[in-house]
Amino acid sequence: MNSLRNLVILCLLPAAGLSGCRKSTVIVTPRTPAVANSLIPGTTVNKTGVYDYSDAKVTSRLELTGAGSSIHWSFDISRPLSGGGSSGGSSSGGVSLASPGDPWFVYVESPQRLWFFNGSKELHYSLNDESGGRSGPAIFEGKPHHSDDKVPDELIRKLPGELQKLFPPIPPAGPRPSI
């Protein structure tokens, strides 16, 4: 009986090898949990991770990843429809940093309007509202690009002085003392 079993094993081993019987390994990268309701208007984000916002009118999710001297983003948004279901869209992009230590940030104008600064001479936007979604550069290689969307005053104040000069003068933040 043992010899018959050994004969079967000897016959099946080459067949198993020919059929591609191999050990396979699956690597699963866990998704970073989102920081709940962290896309707050007027704030800046300067760390990679997942950020979101949700209320009765909109759900937004921003995922920031870094690789070497670049920052990449994906931005998803959805709105419930009155008859049920939802509508939404996605955008993605990235910016190159002059060096990995550049002080990049994302300015949250609203959970639907994000501005991406590369820490030196580029400012990009990803805007999504009732009229649709649009994205592109507001400043590229230190030069302004025309857009019908106004760069928020609060964001201009956060940019380096040489980039602030590309915009019309803005009034100082806060109330001015009377004389």
C-alpha atoms as a PDB file:
ATOM      1  CA  MET A   1       0.000   0.000   0.000  1.00  0.00           C
ATOM      2  CA  ASN A   2       2.850   2.394   0.847  1.00  0.00           C
ATOM      3  CA  SER A   3       4.504   1.723  -2.500  1.00  0.00           C
ATOM      4  CA  LEU A   4       1.267   2.583  -4.325  1.00  0.00           C
ATOM      5  CA  ARG A   5       0.998   5.854  -2.365  1.00  0.00           C
ATOM      6  CA  ASN A   6       4.659   6.681  -3.136  1.00  0.00           C
ATOM      7  CA  LEU A   7       4.048   5.953  -6.822  1.00  0.00           C
ATOM      8  CA  VAL A   8       1.040   8.339  -6.866  1.00  0.00           C
ATOM      9  CA  ILE A   9       3.069  11.050  -5.128  1.00  0.00           C
ATOM     10  CA  LEU A  10       5.953  10.596  -7.592  1.00  0.00           C
ATOM     11  CA  CYS A  11       3.521  10.938 -10.502  1.00  0.00           C
ATOM     12  CA  LEU A  12       1.756  14.002  -9.095  1.00  0.00           C
ATOM     13  CA  LEU A  13       4.868  16.015  -8.143  1.00  0.00           C
ATOM     14  CA  PRO A  14       5.958  16.719 -11.753  1.00  0.00           C
ATOM     15  CA  ALA A  15       2.362  17.506 -12.713  1.00  0.00           C
ATOM     16  CA  ALA A  16       2.079  20.013  -9.862  1.00  0.00           C
ATOM     17  CA  GLY A  17       5.321  21.664 -10.943  1.00  0.00           C
ATOM     18  CA  LEU A  18       4.208  21.872 -14.574  1.00  0.00           C
ATOM     19  CA  SER A  19       0.810  23.304 -13.706  1.00  0.00           C
ATOM     20  CA  GLY A  20       2.408  26.263 -11.935  1.00  0.00           C
ATOM     21  CA  CYS A  21       1.727  25.192  -8.392  1.00  0.00           C
ATOM     22  CA  ARG A  22       3.613  27.861  -6.446  1.00  0.00           C
ATOM     23  CA  LYS A  23       3.361  29.694  -3.219  1.00  0.00           C
ATOM     24  CA  SER A  24       1.934  33.147  -3.849  1.00  0.00           C
ATOM     25  CA  THR A  25       2.156  36.160  -1.602  1.00  0.00           C
ATOM     26  CA  VAL A  26      -0.387  38.953  -1.564  1.00  0.00           C
ATOM     27  CA  ILE A  27       0.694  42.269  -0.092  1.00  0.00           C
ATOM     28  CA  VAL A  28      -2.110  44.472   1.152  1.00  0.00           C
ATOM     29  CA  THR A  29      -1.330  48.062   2.019  1.00  0.00           C
ATOM     30  CA  PRO A  30      -3.753  49.334   4.641  1.00  0.00           C
ATOM     31  CA  ARG A  31      -5.570  52.526   3.714  1.00  0.00           C
ATOM     32  CA  THR A  32      -4.843  55.427   6.012  1.00  0.00           C
ATOM     33  CA  PRO A  33      -7.951  56.338   8.004  1.00  0.00           C
ATOM     34  CA  ALA A  34      -9.356  59.782   7.297  1.00  0.00           C
ATOM     35  CA  VAL A  35      -9.179  62.591   9.810  1.00  0.00           C
ATOM     36  CA  ALA A  36     -12.911  63.248  10.265  1.00  0.00           C
ATOM     37  CA  ASN A  37     -14.267  66.645   9.192  1.00  0.00           C
ATOM     38  CA  SER A  38     -10.770  68.039   8.787  1.00  0.00           C
ATOM     39  CA  LEU A  39     -11.354  70.048   5.586  1.00  0.00           C
ATOM     40  CA  ILE A  40     -12.305  73.159   7.546  1.00  0.00           C
ATOM     41  CA  PRO A  41     -12.529  76.456   5.618  1.00  0.00           C
ATOM     42  CA  GLY A  42      -9.560  78.737   6.238  1.00  0.00           C
ATOM     43  CA  THR A  43      -7.188  76.022   7.415  1.00  0.00           C
ATOM     44  CA  THR A  44      -4.007  74.688   5.842  1.00  0.00           C
ATOM     45  CA  VAL A  45      -2.919  71.069   5.600  1.00  0.00           C
ATOM     46  CA  ASN A  46       0.810  70.337   5.405  1.00  0.00           C
ATOM     47  CA  LYS A  47       1.058  66.600   6.127  1.00  0.00           C
ATOM     48  CA  THR A  48       0.332  63.619   3.940  1.00  0.00           C
ATOM     49  CA  GLY A  49      -2.739  61.626   4.891  1.00  0.00           C
ATOM     50  CA  VAL A  50      -6.455  61.405   4.265  1.00  0.00           C
ATOM     51  CA  TYR A  51      -8.752  64.290   5.154  1.00  0.00           C
ATOM     52  CA  ASP A  52     -12.507  64.479   4.790  1.00  0.00           C
ATOM     53  CA  TYR A  53     -15.622  66.512   5.337  1.00  0.00           C
ATOM     54  CA  SER A  54     -19.248  65.486   5.370  1.00  0.00           C
ATOM     55  CA  ASP A  55     -22.554  67.226   5.952  1.00  0.00           C
ATOM     56  CA  ALA A  56     -26.076  67.000   4.494  1.00  0.00           C
ATOM     57  CA  LYS A  57     -25.028  68.806   1.284  1.00  0.00           C
ATOM     58  CA  VAL A  58     -21.607  67.381   0.390  1.00  0.00           C
ATOM     59  CA  THR A  59     -19.016  64.728   1.160  1.00  0.00           C
ATOM     60  CA  SER A  60     -15.379  65.520   0.316  1.00  0.00           C
ATOM     61  CA  ARG A  61     -12.270  63.361   0.663  1.00  0.00           C
ATOM     62  CA  LEU A  62      -8.682  64.485   0.063  1.00  0.00           C
ATOM     63  CA  GLU A  63      -5.808  62.017   0.002  1.00  0.00           C
ATOM     64  CA  LEU A  64      -2.274  63.446   0.025  1.00  0.00           C
ATOM     65  CA  THR A  65       0.764  61.274  -0.629  1.00  0.00           C
ATOM     66  CA  GLY A  66       4.424  62.166  -0.866  1.00  0.00           C
ATOM     67  CA  ALA A  67       7.100  60.522  -2.959  1.00  0.00           C
ATOM     68  CA  GLY A  68      10.604  61.963  -2.950  1.00  0.00           C
ATOM     69  CA  SER A  69      10.321  65.588  -3.927  1.00  0.00           C
ATOM     70  CA  SER A  70       6.683  65.607  -5.013  1.00  0.00           C
ATOM     71  CA  ILE A  71       3.252  65.727  -3.431  1.00  0.00           C
ATOM     72  CA  HIS A  72       0.300  63.987  -5.082  1.00  0.00           C
ATOM     73  CA  TRP A  73      -3.377  64.373  -4.338  1.00  0.00           C
ATOM     74  CA  SER A  74      -6.687  62.806  -5.164  1.00  0.00           C
ATOM     75  CA  PHE A  75      -9.854  64.696  -4.373  1.00  0.00           C
ATOM     76  CA  ASP A  76     -13.305  63.064  -4.394  1.00  0.00           C
ATOM     77  CA  ILE A  77     -16.580  64.848  -3.874  1.00  0.00           C
ATOM     78  CA  SER A  78     -20.225  63.773  -3.913  1.00  0.00           C
ATOM     79  CA  ARG A  79     -23.560  65.485  -3.370  1.00  0.00           C
ATOM     80  CA  PRO A  80     -26.876  63.804  -2.626  1.00  0.00           C
ATOM     81  CA  LEU A  81     -29.597  64.294  -5.249  1.00  0.00           C
ATOM     82  CA  SER A  82     -33.108  65.276  -4.202  1.00  0.00           C
ATOM     83  CA  GLY A  83     -34.658  62.150  -5.757  1.00  0.00           C
ATOM     84  CA  GLY A  84     -32.118  59.813  -4.200  1.00  0.00           C
ATOM     85  CA  GLY A  85     -28.668  58.791  -5.343  1.00  0.00           C
ATOM     86  CA  SER A  86     -25.795  61.212  -5.629  1.00  0.00           C
ATOM     87  CA  SER A  87     -23.620  63.060  -8.121  1.00  0.00           C
ATOM     88  CA  GLY A  88     -19.926  63.591  -7.787  1.00  0.00           C
ATOM     89  CA  GLY A  89     -16.521  63.673  -9.304  1.00  0.00           C
ATOM     90  CA  SER A  90     -12.850  63.138  -8.758  1.00  0.00           C
ATOM     91  CA  SER A  91      -9.679  64.980  -9.593  1.00  0.00           C
ATOM     92  CA  SER A  92      -6.048  64.243  -9.000  1.00  0.00           C
ATOM     93  CA  GLY A  93      -2.746  65.936  -9.539  1.00  0.00           C
ATOM     94  CA  GLY A  94       0.561  66.731  -8.015  1.00  0.00           C
ATOM     95  CA  VAL A  95       3.278  69.314  -7.577  1.00  0.00           C
ATOM     96  CA  SER A  96       7.030  69.028  -7.661  1.00  0.00           C
ATOM     97  CA  LEU A  97       8.998  70.444  -4.770  1.00  0.00           C
ATOM     98  CA  ALA A  98      12.361  72.145  -5.297  1.00  0.00           C
ATOM     99  CA  SER A  99      13.524  70.077  -2.321  1.00  0.00           C
ATOM    100  CA  PRO A 100      11.778  67.591  -0.010  1.00  0.00           C
ATOM    101  CA  GLY A 101      11.897  70.168   2.810  1.00  0.00           C
ATOM    102  CA  ASP A 102       9.933  72.865   0.949  1.00  0.00           C
ATOM    103  CA  PRO A 103       7.095  74.308   3.077  1.00  0.00           C
ATOM    104  CA  TRP A 104       4.219  73.045   0.874  1.00  0.00           C
ATOM    105  CA  PHE A 105       0.601  73.253   1.983  1.00  0.00           C
ATOM    106  CA  VAL A 106      -3.001  72.824   0.894  1.00  0.00           C
ATOM    107  CA  TYR A 107      -5.276  75.764   1.643  1.00  0.00           C
ATOM    108  CA  VAL A 108      -8.896  74.791   2.311  1.00  0.00           C
ATOM    109  CA  GLU A 109     -11.071  77.607   1.013  1.00  0.00           C
ATOM    110  CA  SER A 110     -14.038  75.264   1.532  1.00  0.00           C
ATOM    111  CA  PRO A 111     -14.440  71.465   1.449  1.00  0.00           C
ATOM    112  CA  GLN A 112     -15.106  71.854  -2.299  1.00  0.00           C
ATOM    113  CA  ARG A 113     -12.366  74.416  -3.088  1.00  0.00           C
ATOM    114  CA  LEU A 114      -8.734  73.428  -2.445  1.00  0.00           C
ATOM    115  CA  TRP A 115      -5.516  75.272  -3.326  1.00  0.00           C
ATOM    116  CA  PHE A 116      -2.143  73.445  -3.500  1.00  0.00           C
ATOM    117  CA  PHE A 117       1.100  75.397  -2.942  1.00  0.00           C
ATOM    118  CA  ASN A 118       4.406  73.631  -3.694  1.00  0.00           C
ATOM    119  CA  GLY A 119       6.432  75.684  -1.211  1.00  0.00           C
ATOM    120  CA  SER A 120       8.204  77.830  -3.806  1.00  0.00           C
ATOM    121  CA  LYS A 121       6.687  79.082  -7.089  1.00  0.00           C
ATOM    122  CA  GLU A 122       3.562  77.080  -7.946  1.00  0.00           C
ATOM    123  CA  LEU A 123      -0.051  77.314  -6.827  1.00  0.00           C
ATOM    124  CA  HIS A 124      -2.669  74.933  -8.240  1.00  0.00           C
ATOM    125  CA  TYR A 125      -6.383  74.662  -7.562  1.00  0.00           C
ATOM    126  CA  SER A 126      -9.084  72.012  -7.559  1.00  0.00           C
ATOM    127  CA  LEU A 127     -12.495  73.621  -7.327  1.00  0.00           C
ATOM    128  CA  ASN A 128     -15.845  71.869  -7.439  1.00  0.00           C
ATOM    129  CA  ASP A 129     -19.188  73.607  -7.087  1.00  0.00           C
ATOM    130  CA  GLU A 130     -22.659  73.587  -8.616  1.00  0.00           C
ATOM    131  CA  SER A 131     -21.252  74.836 -11.951  1.00  0.00           C
ATOM    132  CA  GLY A 132     -18.876  71.865 -12.184  1.00  0.00           C
ATOM    133  CA  GLY A 133     -15.294  71.003 -11.409  1.00  0.00           C
ATOM    134  CA  ARG A 134     -12.136  72.654 -12.662  1.00  0.00           C
ATOM    135  CA  SER A 135      -8.467  72.512 -11.824  1.00  0.00           C
ATOM    136  CA  GLY A 136      -5.230  73.999 -13.017  1.00  0.00           C
ATOM    137  CA  PRO A 137      -2.394  76.339 -12.128  1.00  0.00           C
ATOM    138  CA  ALA A 138      -3.027  79.774 -10.621  1.00  0.00           C
ATOM    139  CA  ILE A 139       0.742  80.416 -10.493  1.00  0.00           C
ATOM    140  CA  PHE A 140       3.234  78.368 -12.508  1.00  0.00           C
ATOM    141  CA  GLU A 141       7.021  78.875 -12.361  1.00  0.00           C
ATOM    142  CA  GLY A 142       6.455  82.150 -10.517  1.00  0.00           C
ATOM    143  CA  LYS A 143       4.079  83.609 -13.134  1.00  0.00           C
ATOM    144  CA  PRO A 144       0.321  84.076 -12.739  1.00  0.00           C
ATOM    145  CA  HIS A 145      -2.102  82.157 -14.967  1.00  0.00           C
ATOM    146  CA  HIS A 146      -5.448  83.685 -15.824  1.00  0.00           C
ATOM    147  CA  SER A 147      -8.458  82.137 -14.144  1.00  0.00           C
ATOM    148  CA  ASP A 148     -11.969  83.346 -13.522  1.00  0.00           C
ATOM    149  CA  ASP A 149     -11.617  82.012  -9.978  1.00  0.00           C
ATOM    150  CA  LYS A 150     -10.217  84.536  -7.531  1.00  0.00           C
ATOM    151  CA  VAL A 151      -7.400  83.429  -5.258  1.00  0.00           C
ATOM    152  CA  PRO A 152      -8.683  83.996  -1.692  1.00  0.00           C
ATOM    153  CA  ASP A 153      -7.134  86.926   0.190  1.00  0.00           C
ATOM    154  CA  GLU A 154      -6.382  84.653   3.173  1.00  0.00           C
ATOM    155  CA  LEU A 155      -4.363  82.373   0.899  1.00  0.00           C
ATOM    156  CA  ILE A 156      -2.452  85.259  -0.704  1.00  0.00           C
ATOM    157  CA  ARG A 157      -1.330  86.327   2.782  1.00  0.00           C
ATOM    158  CA  LYS A 158       0.178  82.842   3.331  1.00  0.00           C
ATOM    159  CA  LEU A 159       2.288  82.946   0.156  1.00  0.00           C
ATOM    160  CA  PRO A 160       5.892  84.207   0.046  1.00  0.00           C
ATOM    161  CA  GLY A 161       6.279  87.969  -0.505  1.00  0.00           C
ATOM    162  CA  GLU A 162       7.406  87.676  -4.156  1.00  0.00           C
ATOM    163  CA  LEU A 163       4.242  85.735  -5.020  1.00  0.00           C
ATOM    164  CA  GLN A 164       1.985  88.090  -3.062  1.00  0.00           C
ATOM    165  CA  LYS A 165       3.191  90.878  -5.378  1.00  0.00           C
ATOM    166  CA  LEU A 166       1.554  89.062  -8.332  1.00  0.00           C
ATOM    167  CA  PHE A 167      -1.891  89.994  -6.983  1.00  0.00           C
ATOM    168  CA  PRO A 168      -3.607  93.355  -6.458  1.00  0.00           C
ATOM    169  CA  PRO A 169      -2.999  94.755  -2.966  1.00  0.00           C
ATOM    170  CA  ILE A 170      -5.297  93.271  -0.351  1.00  0.00           C
ATOM    171  CA  PRO A 171      -6.545  95.059   2.749  1.00  0.00           C
ATOM    172  CA  PRO A 172      -4.951  93.986   6.021  1.00  0.00           C
ATOM    173  CA  ALA A 173      -6.671  91.233   7.936  1.00  0.00           C
ATOM    174  CA  GLY A 174      -8.821  92.277  10.889  1.00  0.00           C
ATOM    175  CA  PRO A 175     -10.161  95.653  11.922  1.00  0.00           C
ATOM    176  CA  ARG A 176      -7.952  98.706  11.588  1.00  0.00           C
ATOM    177  CA  PRO A 177      -7.649 100.987  14.608  1.00  0.00           C
ATOM    178  CA  SER A 178      -9.301 104.373  14.306  1.00  0.00           C
ATOM    179  CA  ILE A 179      -7.212 107.493  14.722  1.00  0.00           C
END
